[in-house]
Amino acid sequence: MTITGPQIIKAIVETLQMVSISLIVGALFGIPFGVLLVITKNGGIVKNKVIFSVLNNIINIVRSLPFIILLVAIVPFTRLIVGTSIGTKAAIVPLIVYIIPYIARLVENSLLEVNSGIIEAAEAMGATTIQIIWHFLLPEALGSLILTLTTATIGLIGATAMAGTVGGGGIGDVAISYGYQRFDTEVIVITVIILILFVQVIQSLGNRLARKARRH
């Protein structure tokens, strides 16, 4: 075996850093964008064809790019933001760009599942747009939104693995540098097991939290 325990631990920490930072920043932008899509679409509570069309098209364009292509395409932007295009810090920039539209679309789908009667009742009570969003729309969709963020987290784990192909650090980098390039099957198996464990833990936690949210 050509890799040590501390190297694997370091790779796990790098993966967790990439996923957590990208998810937090992605959610801060993606959730509002998803809400904006729902309320400005045709039939939305503040219908605005221009805003919806622009945002919808931007999301479609970014989501149409496979992550590995997006990673390479925005290298100049990544260098501008963090000063380098290699390493964990550099990988976070394309991960954020990748996950924002992904979360926005998932949030849109979750919010569209909310019974329109609830929104109509809120409007009848004289609730403002912000009140409808904060006190009716988001709480009603909370269980689905938790699963949305769970799916986004798992998607990010897969993306961090692809970031390893360009020296992005993390488990993917270990798999490429020590497993694939050195033909070390043992390293490949270890990295696959780690990634599977990550996904299983996150999905189980997401399912549990979603069930609790739906009960309340």
C-alpha atoms as a PDB file:
ATOM      1  CA  MET A   1       0.000   0.000   0.000  1.00  0.00           C
ATOM      2  CA  THR A   2       1.455   3.400  -1.002  1.00  0.00           C
ATOM      3  CA  ILE A   3      -0.686   5.661   1.173  1.00  0.00           C
ATOM      4  CA  THR A   4      -0.687   6.156   4.935  1.00  0.00           C
ATOM      5  CA  GLY A   5      -3.461   6.621   7.466  1.00  0.00           C
ATOM      6  CA  PRO A   6      -2.693  10.321   8.060  1.00  0.00           C
ATOM      7  CA  GLN A   7      -2.925  10.955   4.302  1.00  0.00           C
ATOM      8  CA  ILE A   8      -6.356   9.330   4.183  1.00  0.00           C
ATOM      9  CA  ILE A   9      -7.514  11.350   7.204  1.00  0.00           C
ATOM     10  CA  LYS A  10      -6.213  14.528   5.565  1.00  0.00           C
ATOM     11  CA  ALA A  11      -8.146  13.650   2.388  1.00  0.00           C
ATOM     12  CA  ILE A  12     -11.336  13.027   4.396  1.00  0.00           C
ATOM     13  CA  VAL A  13     -10.976  16.405   6.135  1.00  0.00           C
ATOM     14  CA  GLU A  14     -10.430  18.133   2.764  1.00  0.00           C
ATOM     15  CA  THR A  15     -13.539  16.471   1.346  1.00  0.00           C
ATOM     16  CA  LEU A  16     -15.595  17.541   4.364  1.00  0.00           C
ATOM     17  CA  GLN A  17     -14.296  21.105   4.002  1.00  0.00           C
ATOM     18  CA  MET A  18     -15.190  21.255   0.317  1.00  0.00           C
ATOM     19  CA  VAL A  19     -18.653  19.787   0.841  1.00  0.00           C
ATOM     20  CA  SER A  20     -19.581  21.846   3.918  1.00  0.00           C
ATOM     21  CA  ILE A  21     -18.386  25.236   2.624  1.00  0.00           C
ATOM     22  CA  SER A  22     -19.877  24.678  -0.833  1.00  0.00           C
ATOM     23  CA  LEU A  23     -23.192  23.503   0.639  1.00  0.00           C
ATOM     24  CA  ILE A  24     -23.509  26.455   3.024  1.00  0.00           C
ATOM     25  CA  VAL A  25     -22.715  29.079   0.389  1.00  0.00           C
ATOM     26  CA  GLY A  26     -24.736  27.204  -2.237  1.00  0.00           C
ATOM     27  CA  ALA A  27     -27.773  27.059   0.055  1.00  0.00           C
ATOM     28  CA  LEU A  28     -27.489  30.771   0.914  1.00  0.00           C
ATOM     29  CA  PHE A  29     -27.910  31.575  -2.770  1.00  0.00           C
ATOM     30  CA  GLY A  30     -29.730  28.515  -4.110  1.00  0.00           C
ATOM     31  CA  ILE A  31     -32.677  28.574  -1.693  1.00  0.00           C
ATOM     32  CA  PRO A  32     -33.581  32.245  -2.378  1.00  0.00           C
ATOM     33  CA  PHE A  33     -33.196  31.639  -6.122  1.00  0.00           C
ATOM     34  CA  GLY A  34     -35.515  28.624  -5.869  1.00  0.00           C
ATOM     35  CA  VAL A  35     -38.070  30.705  -3.969  1.00  0.00           C
ATOM     36  CA  LEU A  36     -37.737  33.469  -6.560  1.00  0.00           C
ATOM     37  CA  LEU A  37     -38.441  31.005  -9.364  1.00  0.00           C
ATOM     38  CA  VAL A  38     -41.650  29.877  -7.664  1.00  0.00           C
ATOM     39  CA  ILE A  39     -43.060  33.282  -6.755  1.00  0.00           C
ATOM     40  CA  THR A  40     -42.233  34.975 -10.105  1.00  0.00           C
ATOM     41  CA  LYS A  41     -43.388  32.194 -12.420  1.00  0.00           C
ATOM     42  CA  ASN A  42     -46.698  32.326 -14.261  1.00  0.00           C
ATOM     43  CA  GLY A  43     -49.327  32.057 -11.545  1.00  0.00           C
ATOM     44  CA  GLY A  44     -46.865  32.950  -8.782  1.00  0.00           C
ATOM     45  CA  ILE A  45     -47.710  35.369  -6.002  1.00  0.00           C
ATOM     46  CA  VAL A  46     -45.531  38.120  -7.529  1.00  0.00           C
ATOM     47  CA  LYS A  47     -45.524  37.099 -11.180  1.00  0.00           C
ATOM     48  CA  ASN A  48     -42.608  38.668 -13.066  1.00  0.00           C
ATOM     49  CA  LYS A  49     -41.900  37.209 -16.490  1.00  0.00           C
ATOM     50  CA  VAL A  50     -38.538  38.990 -16.925  1.00  0.00           C
ATOM     51  CA  ILE A  51     -37.025  37.906 -13.609  1.00  0.00           C
ATOM     52  CA  PHE A  52     -38.292  34.352 -13.992  1.00  0.00           C
ATOM     53  CA  SER A  53     -37.042  34.032 -17.574  1.00  0.00           C
ATOM     54  CA  VAL A  54     -33.556  35.400 -16.841  1.00  0.00           C
ATOM     55  CA  LEU A  55     -33.058  33.313 -13.705  1.00  0.00           C
ATOM     56  CA  ASN A  56     -34.538  30.187 -15.244  1.00  0.00           C
ATOM     57  CA  ASN A  57     -32.273  30.415 -18.300  1.00  0.00           C
ATOM     58  CA  ILE A  58     -29.128  31.034 -16.252  1.00  0.00           C
ATOM     59  CA  ILE A  59     -29.901  28.002 -14.083  1.00  0.00           C
ATOM     60  CA  ASN A  60     -30.552  25.852 -17.145  1.00  0.00           C
ATOM     61  CA  ILE A  61     -27.285  26.928 -18.786  1.00  0.00           C
ATOM     62  CA  VAL A  62     -25.110  26.215 -15.735  1.00  0.00           C
ATOM     63  CA  ARG A  63     -26.861  22.928 -14.992  1.00  0.00           C
ATOM     64  CA  SER A  64     -26.372  21.754 -18.581  1.00  0.00           C
ATOM     65  CA  LEU A  65     -22.586  21.708 -18.067  1.00  0.00           C
ATOM     66  CA  PRO A  66     -21.053  18.531 -16.605  1.00  0.00           C
ATOM     67  CA  PHE A  67     -19.068  19.428 -13.488  1.00  0.00           C
ATOM     68  CA  ILE A  68     -15.714  18.408 -14.953  1.00  0.00           C
ATOM     69  CA  ILE A  69     -16.257  20.808 -17.892  1.00  0.00           C
ATOM     70  CA  LEU A  70     -17.461  23.586 -15.587  1.00  0.00           C
ATOM     71  CA  LEU A  71     -14.385  23.023 -13.437  1.00  0.00           C
ATOM     72  CA  VAL A  72     -12.078  23.698 -16.375  1.00  0.00           C
ATOM     73  CA  ALA A  73     -14.208  26.409 -18.004  1.00  0.00           C
ATOM     74  CA  ILE A  74     -14.106  28.752 -15.005  1.00  0.00           C
ATOM     75  CA  VAL A  75     -10.395  28.337 -14.182  1.00  0.00           C
ATOM     76  CA  PRO A  76      -9.720  32.058 -14.876  1.00  0.00           C
ATOM     77  CA  PHE A  77     -12.576  33.011 -12.524  1.00  0.00           C
ATOM     78  CA  THR A  78     -11.255  30.602  -9.883  1.00  0.00           C
ATOM     79  CA  ARG A  79      -7.780  32.132 -10.114  1.00  0.00           C
ATOM     80  CA  LEU A  80      -9.307  35.596  -9.802  1.00  0.00           C
ATOM     81  CA  ILE A  81     -11.188  34.648  -6.633  1.00  0.00           C
ATOM     82  CA  VAL A  82      -8.629  32.523  -4.740  1.00  0.00           C
ATOM     83  CA  GLY A  83      -5.382  33.145  -6.633  1.00  0.00           C
ATOM     84  CA  THR A  84      -4.879  29.543  -7.753  1.00  0.00           C
ATOM     85  CA  SER A  85      -6.607  26.820  -9.743  1.00  0.00           C
ATOM     86  CA  ILE A  86      -5.151  23.862  -7.839  1.00  0.00           C
ATOM     87  CA  GLY A  87      -5.974  22.489  -4.406  1.00  0.00           C
ATOM     88  CA  THR A  88      -8.914  22.296  -2.043  1.00  0.00           C
ATOM     89  CA  LYS A  89      -9.453  26.048  -1.831  1.00  0.00           C
ATOM     90  CA  ALA A  90      -9.591  26.340  -5.622  1.00  0.00           C
ATOM     91  CA  ALA A  91     -11.999  23.416  -5.945  1.00  0.00           C
ATOM     92  CA  ILE A  92     -14.541  25.127  -3.686  1.00  0.00           C
ATOM     93  CA  VAL A  93     -15.203  27.913  -6.245  1.00  0.00           C
ATOM     94  CA  PRO A  94     -16.494  25.670  -9.080  1.00  0.00           C
ATOM     95  CA  LEU A  95     -18.293  23.513  -6.512  1.00  0.00           C
ATOM     96  CA  ILE A  96     -20.266  26.564  -5.367  1.00  0.00           C
ATOM     97  CA  VAL A  97     -21.014  27.602  -8.956  1.00  0.00           C
ATOM     98  CA  TYR A  98     -22.155  24.037  -9.652  1.00  0.00           C
ATOM     99  CA  ILE A  99     -24.360  23.585  -6.597  1.00  0.00           C
ATOM    100  CA  ILE A 100     -26.235  26.927  -6.548  1.00  0.00           C
ATOM    101  CA  PRO A 101     -28.416  26.223  -9.630  1.00  0.00           C
ATOM    102  CA  TYR A 102     -28.718  22.573  -8.581  1.00  0.00           C
ATOM    103  CA  ILE A 103     -30.161  23.571  -5.189  1.00  0.00           C
ATOM    104  CA  ALA A 104     -32.318  26.301  -6.770  1.00  0.00           C
ATOM    105  CA  ARG A 105     -34.009  23.797  -9.083  1.00  0.00           C
ATOM    106  CA  LEU A 106     -34.542  21.254  -6.316  1.00  0.00           C
ATOM    107  CA  VAL A 107     -35.978  23.934  -4.023  1.00  0.00           C
ATOM    108  CA  GLU A 108     -38.307  25.055  -6.802  1.00  0.00           C
ATOM    109  CA  ASN A 109     -39.600  21.503  -7.185  1.00  0.00           C
ATOM    110  CA  SER A 110     -40.091  21.163  -3.410  1.00  0.00           C
ATOM    111  CA  LEU A 111     -42.022  24.418  -3.109  1.00  0.00           C
ATOM    112  CA  LEU A 112     -44.245  23.594  -6.071  1.00  0.00           C
ATOM    113  CA  GLU A 113     -45.477  20.569  -4.095  1.00  0.00           C
ATOM    114  CA  VAL A 114     -47.025  22.851  -1.464  1.00  0.00           C
ATOM    115  CA  ASN A 115     -50.829  22.888  -1.684  1.00  0.00           C
ATOM    116  CA  SER A 116     -51.911  26.056  -3.471  1.00  0.00           C
ATOM    117  CA  GLY A 117     -54.837  26.319  -1.063  1.00  0.00           C
ATOM    118  CA  ILE A 118     -52.415  27.191   1.743  1.00  0.00           C
ATOM    119  CA  ILE A 119     -51.048  30.126  -0.260  1.00  0.00           C
ATOM    120  CA  GLU A 120     -54.554  31.275  -1.141  1.00  0.00           C
ATOM    121  CA  ALA A 121     -55.552  31.134   2.530  1.00  0.00           C
ATOM    122  CA  ALA A 122     -52.482  33.184   3.487  1.00  0.00           C
ATOM    123  CA  GLU A 123     -53.324  35.797   0.856  1.00  0.00           C
ATOM    124  CA  ALA A 124     -56.932  35.907   2.074  1.00  0.00           C
ATOM    125  CA  MET A 125     -55.651  36.664   5.592  1.00  0.00           C
ATOM    126  CA  GLY A 126     -53.741  39.639   4.204  1.00  0.00           C
ATOM    127  CA  ALA A 127     -50.254  38.180   4.611  1.00  0.00           C
ATOM    128  CA  THR A 128     -47.451  39.993   2.795  1.00  0.00           C
ATOM    129  CA  THR A 129     -45.227  38.233   0.259  1.00  0.00           C
ATOM    130  CA  ILE A 130     -42.418  37.828   2.829  1.00  0.00           C
ATOM    131  CA  GLN A 131     -44.864  36.476   5.407  1.00  0.00           C
ATOM    132  CA  ILE A 132     -46.292  33.982   2.919  1.00  0.00           C
ATOM    133  CA  ILE A 133     -42.798  32.743   2.066  1.00  0.00           C
ATOM    134  CA  TRP A 134     -41.484  32.624   5.647  1.00  0.00           C
ATOM    135  CA  HIS A 135     -44.546  31.456   7.576  1.00  0.00           C
ATOM    136  CA  PHE A 136     -46.410  29.319   5.030  1.00  0.00           C
ATOM    137  CA  LEU A 137     -44.390  28.257   1.963  1.00  0.00           C
ATOM    138  CA  LEU A 138     -41.077  27.264   3.566  1.00  0.00           C
ATOM    139  CA  PRO A 139     -42.541  25.568   6.684  1.00  0.00           C
ATOM    140  CA  GLU A 140     -44.958  23.503   4.586  1.00  0.00           C
ATOM    141  CA  ALA A 141     -42.112  22.333   2.348  1.00  0.00           C
ATOM    142  CA  LEU A 142     -39.565  21.806   5.168  1.00  0.00           C
ATOM    143  CA  GLY A 143     -39.462  18.016   4.972  1.00  0.00           C
ATOM    144  CA  SER A 144     -38.974  18.111   1.213  1.00  0.00           C
ATOM    145  CA  LEU A 145     -36.371  20.877   1.542  1.00  0.00           C
ATOM    146  CA  ILE A 146     -34.338  18.756   3.957  1.00  0.00           C
ATOM    147  CA  LEU A 147     -34.303  15.941   1.410  1.00  0.00           C
ATOM    148  CA  THR A 148     -33.351  18.523  -1.229  1.00  0.00           C
ATOM    149  CA  LEU A 149     -30.276  19.557   0.759  1.00  0.00           C
ATOM    150  CA  THR A 150     -29.500  15.881   1.388  1.00  0.00           C
ATOM    151  CA  THR A 151     -29.519  15.221  -2.356  1.00  0.00           C
ATOM    152  CA  ALA A 152     -27.383  18.317  -2.953  1.00  0.00           C
ATOM    153  CA  THR A 153     -24.853  17.152  -0.349  1.00  0.00           C
ATOM    154  CA  ILE A 154     -24.541  13.748  -1.997  1.00  0.00           C
ATOM    155  CA  GLY A 155     -24.155  15.455  -5.382  1.00  0.00           C
ATOM    156  CA  LEU A 156     -21.349  17.564  -3.916  1.00  0.00           C
ATOM    157  CA  ILE A 157     -19.548  14.473  -2.654  1.00  0.00           C
ATOM    158  CA  GLY A 158     -19.543  13.094  -6.197  1.00  0.00           C
ATOM    159  CA  ALA A 159     -18.349  16.436  -7.550  1.00  0.00           C
ATOM    160  CA  THR A 160     -15.464  16.629  -5.036  1.00  0.00           C
ATOM    161  CA  ALA A 161     -14.336  13.226  -6.249  1.00  0.00           C
ATOM    162  CA  MET A 162     -14.231  14.575  -9.832  1.00  0.00           C
ATOM    163  CA  ALA A 163     -12.310  17.625  -8.609  1.00  0.00           C
ATOM    164  CA  GLY A 164      -9.537  15.197  -7.724  1.00  0.00           C
ATOM    165  CA  THR A 165      -8.776  14.742 -11.434  1.00  0.00           C
ATOM    166  CA  VAL A 166      -7.318  18.271 -11.510  1.00  0.00           C
ATOM    167  CA  GLY A 167      -5.630  18.174  -8.129  1.00  0.00           C
ATOM    168  CA  GLY A 168      -8.583  19.412  -6.137  1.00  0.00           C
ATOM    169  CA  GLY A 169      -7.622  17.466  -3.045  1.00  0.00           C
ATOM    170  CA  GLY A 170      -9.818  15.189  -0.963  1.00  0.00           C
ATOM    171  CA  ILE A 171     -10.784  11.563  -1.467  1.00  0.00           C
ATOM    172  CA  GLY A 172     -10.997  11.966  -5.254  1.00  0.00           C
ATOM    173  CA  ASP A 173      -7.416  13.190  -5.427  1.00  0.00           C
ATOM    174  CA  VAL A 174      -6.256  10.172  -3.422  1.00  0.00           C
ATOM    175  CA  ALA A 175      -8.178   7.821  -5.703  1.00  0.00           C
ATOM    176  CA  ILE A 176      -6.638   9.362  -8.832  1.00  0.00           C
ATOM    177  CA  SER A 177      -3.075  10.001  -7.598  1.00  0.00           C
ATOM    178  CA  TYR A 178      -2.511   6.872  -5.519  1.00  0.00           C
ATOM    179  CA  GLY A 179      -5.075   4.454  -6.904  1.00  0.00           C
ATOM    180  CA  TYR A 180      -5.577   5.006 -10.629  1.00  0.00           C
ATOM    181  CA  GLN A 181      -2.192   6.444 -11.638  1.00  0.00           C
ATOM    182  CA  ARG A 182      -0.223   3.925  -9.562  1.00  0.00           C
ATOM    183  CA  PHE A 183      -2.554   1.009 -10.345  1.00  0.00           C
ATOM    184  CA  ASP A 184      -3.148   0.432  -6.627  1.00  0.00           C
ATOM    185  CA  THR A 185      -6.441  -1.441  -6.332  1.00  0.00           C
ATOM    186  CA  GLU A 186      -6.355  -1.361  -2.540  1.00  0.00           C
ATOM    187  CA  VAL A 187      -6.414   2.444  -2.495  1.00  0.00           C
ATOM    188  CA  ILE A 188      -9.306   2.494  -4.972  1.00  0.00           C
ATOM    189  CA  VAL A 189     -11.307   0.093  -2.781  1.00  0.00           C
ATOM    190  CA  ILE A 190     -10.617   2.157   0.360  1.00  0.00           C
ATOM    191  CA  THR A 191     -11.700   5.419  -1.278  1.00  0.00           C
ATOM    192  CA  VAL A 192     -14.849   3.811  -2.682  1.00  0.00           C
ATOM    193  CA  ILE A 193     -15.773   2.447   0.761  1.00  0.00           C
ATOM    194  CA  ILE A 194     -15.223   5.885   2.356  1.00  0.00           C
ATOM    195  CA  LEU A 195     -17.423   7.584  -0.249  1.00  0.00           C
ATOM    196  CA  ILE A 196     -20.150   4.961   0.198  1.00  0.00           C
ATOM    197  CA  LEU A 197     -20.081   5.470   3.971  1.00  0.00           C
ATOM    198  CA  PHE A 198     -20.347   9.235   3.507  1.00  0.00           C
ATOM    199  CA  VAL A 199     -23.390   8.863   1.281  1.00  0.00           C
ATOM    200  CA  GLN A 200     -25.099   6.300   3.533  1.00  0.00           C
ATOM    201  CA  VAL A 201     -24.658   8.423   6.671  1.00  0.00           C
ATOM    202  CA  ILE A 202     -25.847  11.628   4.995  1.00  0.00           C
ATOM    203  CA  GLN A 203     -28.858   9.979   3.355  1.00  0.00           C
ATOM    204  CA  SER A 204     -29.904   8.259   6.585  1.00  0.00           C
ATOM    205  CA  LEU A 205     -29.575  11.503   8.539  1.00  0.00           C
ATOM    206  CA  GLY A 206     -31.507  13.433   5.887  1.00  0.00           C
ATOM    207  CA  ASN A 207     -34.319  10.861   5.850  1.00  0.00           C
ATOM    208  CA  ARG A 208     -34.600  10.950   9.643  1.00  0.00           C
ATOM    209  CA  LEU A 209     -34.696  14.761   9.828  1.00  0.00           C
ATOM    210  CA  ALA A 210     -37.249  14.918   6.999  1.00  0.00           C
ATOM    211  CA  ARG A 211     -39.533  12.445   8.801  1.00  0.00           C
ATOM    212  CA  LYS A 212     -39.365  14.526  12.001  1.00  0.00           C
ATOM    213  CA  ALA A 213     -40.116  17.729  10.068  1.00  0.00           C
ATOM    214  CA  ARG A 214     -43.133  16.167   8.381  1.00  0.00           C
ATOM    215  CA  ARG A 215     -44.542  14.957  11.724  1.00  0.00           C
ATOM    216  CA  HIS A 216     -44.426  18.483  13.097  1.00  0.00           C
END
